[in-house]
Amino acid sequence: MTVFNTGPKATTNDFRAGDVGVIRKSLGHYIENTGDDVLQFVEVFRSHHYEEVSLANWFAHVPPELLMQHLNLTREDIAAFPKETRGIVPI
């Protein structure tokens, strides 16, 4: 899981089955399965409203020139982002 704040501040941690991670309010984060097993996790919010914001999906709808200028990305980097994501599926 990587948690990021404003600017170039990001922290990445590896988790194993049974571990618990906490993300402070309003910080962006993403979870990536880096193993071979199916990833299952429980995400709990202190709110009755759930909303997911996919950075990859957001990047797909931002003009490439803006991403290149502000995030120091190349056109090849931008083309590699997935255009559609399944996201989190609440049960």
C-alpha atoms as a PDB file:
ATOM      1  CA  MET A   1       0.000   0.000   0.000  1.00  0.00           C
ATOM      2  CA  THR A   2       1.277   3.445  -0.856  1.00  0.00           C
ATOM      3  CA  VAL A   3      -0.019   6.527   0.956  1.00  0.00           C
ATOM      4  CA  PHE A   4       0.745   9.932  -0.517  1.00  0.00           C
ATOM      5  CA  ASN A   5       0.463  13.491   0.719  1.00  0.00           C
ATOM      6  CA  THR A   6       0.913  16.767  -1.145  1.00  0.00           C
ATOM      7  CA  GLY A   7       4.171  17.144  -3.006  1.00  0.00           C
ATOM      8  CA  PRO A   8       6.597  14.279  -3.436  1.00  0.00           C
ATOM      9  CA  LYS A   9       5.785  12.704  -0.072  1.00  0.00           C
ATOM     10  CA  ALA A  10       4.807   9.045  -0.321  1.00  0.00           C
ATOM     11  CA  THR A  11       5.279   6.016   1.911  1.00  0.00           C
ATOM     12  CA  THR A  12       5.025   2.439   0.684  1.00  0.00           C
ATOM     13  CA  ASN A  13       4.612  -0.559   2.981  1.00  0.00           C
ATOM     14  CA  ASP A  14       4.303  -4.275   2.315  1.00  0.00           C
ATOM     15  CA  PHE A  15       1.629  -6.179   4.213  1.00  0.00           C
ATOM     16  CA  ARG A  16       1.053  -9.852   4.963  1.00  0.00           C
ATOM     17  CA  ALA A  17      -2.149 -11.696   5.845  1.00  0.00           C
ATOM     18  CA  GLY A  18      -3.584 -10.302   9.082  1.00  0.00           C
ATOM     19  CA  ASP A  19      -1.697  -6.979   8.980  1.00  0.00           C
ATOM     20  CA  VAL A  20      -3.530  -3.698   9.546  1.00  0.00           C
ATOM     21  CA  GLY A  21      -2.793  -0.388   7.800  1.00  0.00           C
ATOM     22  CA  VAL A  22      -4.205   3.000   8.781  1.00  0.00           C
ATOM     23  CA  ILE A  23      -4.544   5.973   6.443  1.00  0.00           C
ATOM     24  CA  ARG A  24      -5.087   9.456   7.854  1.00  0.00           C
ATOM     25  CA  LYS A  25      -8.125  11.365   6.664  1.00  0.00           C
ATOM     26  CA  SER A  26      -7.832  13.020   3.238  1.00  0.00           C
ATOM     27  CA  LEU A  27      -4.602  11.272   2.213  1.00  0.00           C
ATOM     28  CA  GLY A  28      -4.517   9.551  -1.137  1.00  0.00           C
ATOM     29  CA  HIS A  29      -3.577   5.895  -1.270  1.00  0.00           C
ATOM     30  CA  TYR A  30      -3.495   2.900  -3.505  1.00  0.00           C
ATOM     31  CA  ILE A  31      -3.226  -0.809  -2.909  1.00  0.00           C
ATOM     32  CA  GLU A  32      -1.424  -3.151  -5.265  1.00  0.00           C
ATOM     33  CA  ASN A  33      -1.269  -6.921  -5.053  1.00  0.00           C
ATOM     34  CA  THR A  34       2.431  -7.718  -5.481  1.00  0.00           C
ATOM     35  CA  GLY A  35       2.013 -11.406  -4.635  1.00  0.00           C
ATOM     36  CA  ASP A  36       0.659 -14.453  -6.434  1.00  0.00           C
ATOM     37  CA  ASP A  37      -2.401 -15.050  -4.219  1.00  0.00           C
ATOM     38  CA  VAL A  38      -5.765 -13.338  -4.590  1.00  0.00           C
ATOM     39  CA  LEU A  39      -5.823 -10.120  -2.563  1.00  0.00           C
ATOM     40  CA  GLN A  40      -8.736  -9.660  -0.193  1.00  0.00           C
ATOM     41  CA  PHE A  41      -8.900  -6.711   2.156  1.00  0.00           C
ATOM     42  CA  VAL A  42     -11.407  -4.852   4.283  1.00  0.00           C
ATOM     43  CA  GLU A  43     -11.564  -1.088   4.029  1.00  0.00           C
ATOM     44  CA  VAL A  44     -13.432   0.765   6.778  1.00  0.00           C
ATOM     45  CA  PHE A  45     -14.481   4.416   6.714  1.00  0.00           C
ATOM     46  CA  ARG A  46     -15.807   6.719   9.393  1.00  0.00           C
ATOM     47  CA  SER A  47     -18.519   7.824   7.015  1.00  0.00           C
ATOM     48  CA  HIS A  48     -21.744   6.418   5.612  1.00  0.00           C
ATOM     49  CA  HIS A  49     -20.657   7.514   2.117  1.00  0.00           C
ATOM     50  CA  TYR A  50     -18.093   5.586   0.045  1.00  0.00           C
ATOM     51  CA  GLU A  51     -16.425   7.164  -2.954  1.00  0.00           C
ATOM     52  CA  GLU A  52     -13.509   5.881  -4.997  1.00  0.00           C
ATOM     53  CA  VAL A  53     -11.275   8.094  -7.112  1.00  0.00           C
ATOM     54  CA  SER A  54      -9.058   6.203  -9.536  1.00  0.00           C
ATOM     55  CA  LEU A  55      -5.919   8.150 -10.439  1.00  0.00           C
ATOM     56  CA  ALA A  56      -5.455   6.082 -13.591  1.00  0.00           C
ATOM     57  CA  ASN A  57      -8.992   6.901 -14.673  1.00  0.00           C
ATOM     58  CA  TRP A  58      -8.521  10.569 -13.778  1.00  0.00           C
ATOM     59  CA  PHE A  59      -5.230  10.697 -15.728  1.00  0.00           C
ATOM     60  CA  ALA A  60      -7.022   9.218 -18.755  1.00  0.00           C
ATOM     61  CA  HIS A  61      -9.328  12.274 -18.810  1.00  0.00           C
ATOM     62  CA  VAL A  62      -6.709  14.999 -18.265  1.00  0.00           C
ATOM     63  CA  PRO A  63      -4.981  16.584 -21.273  1.00  0.00           C
ATOM     64  CA  PRO A  64      -1.626  14.781 -21.776  1.00  0.00           C
ATOM     65  CA  GLU A  65       0.242  18.088 -21.966  1.00  0.00           C
ATOM     66  CA  LEU A  66      -0.906  18.922 -18.436  1.00  0.00           C
ATOM     67  CA  LEU A  67       0.333  15.581 -17.077  1.00  0.00           C
ATOM     68  CA  MET A  68       3.629  15.909 -18.927  1.00  0.00           C
ATOM     69  CA  GLN A  69       4.238  19.425 -17.622  1.00  0.00           C
ATOM     70  CA  HIS A  70       3.207  18.931 -14.006  1.00  0.00           C
ATOM     71  CA  LEU A  71       4.160  15.303 -13.339  1.00  0.00           C
ATOM     72  CA  ASN A  72       7.242  15.063 -15.565  1.00  0.00           C
ATOM     73  CA  LEU A  73       5.713  12.215 -17.584  1.00  0.00           C
ATOM     74  CA  THR A  74       6.317  11.267 -21.205  1.00  0.00           C
ATOM     75  CA  ARG A  75       3.611  10.447 -23.744  1.00  0.00           C
ATOM     76  CA  GLU A  76       4.700   6.810 -23.455  1.00  0.00           C
ATOM     77  CA  ASP A  77       4.167   6.923 -19.676  1.00  0.00           C
ATOM     78  CA  ILE A  78       0.688   8.344 -20.149  1.00  0.00           C
ATOM     79  CA  ALA A  79      -0.209   5.807 -22.855  1.00  0.00           C
ATOM     80  CA  ALA A  80       0.661   2.981 -20.442  1.00  0.00           C
ATOM     81  CA  PHE A  81      -1.971   4.024 -17.878  1.00  0.00           C
ATOM     82  CA  PRO A  82      -5.060   1.784 -17.933  1.00  0.00           C
ATOM     83  CA  LYS A  83      -8.004   3.579 -19.511  1.00  0.00           C
ATOM     84  CA  GLU A  84     -10.667   1.750 -17.531  1.00  0.00           C
ATOM     85  CA  THR A  85     -10.385   0.163 -14.122  1.00  0.00           C
ATOM     86  CA  ARG A  86     -12.685  -2.117 -12.207  1.00  0.00           C
ATOM     87  CA  GLY A  87     -11.894  -0.468  -8.910  1.00  0.00           C
ATOM     88  CA  ILE A  88     -13.095  -1.595  -5.529  1.00  0.00           C
ATOM     89  CA  VAL A  89     -16.206  -3.751  -5.534  1.00  0.00           C
ATOM     90  CA  PRO A  90     -18.146  -3.254  -2.285  1.00  0.00           C
ATOM     91  CA  ILE A  91     -19.846  -6.387  -0.929  1.00  0.00           C
END
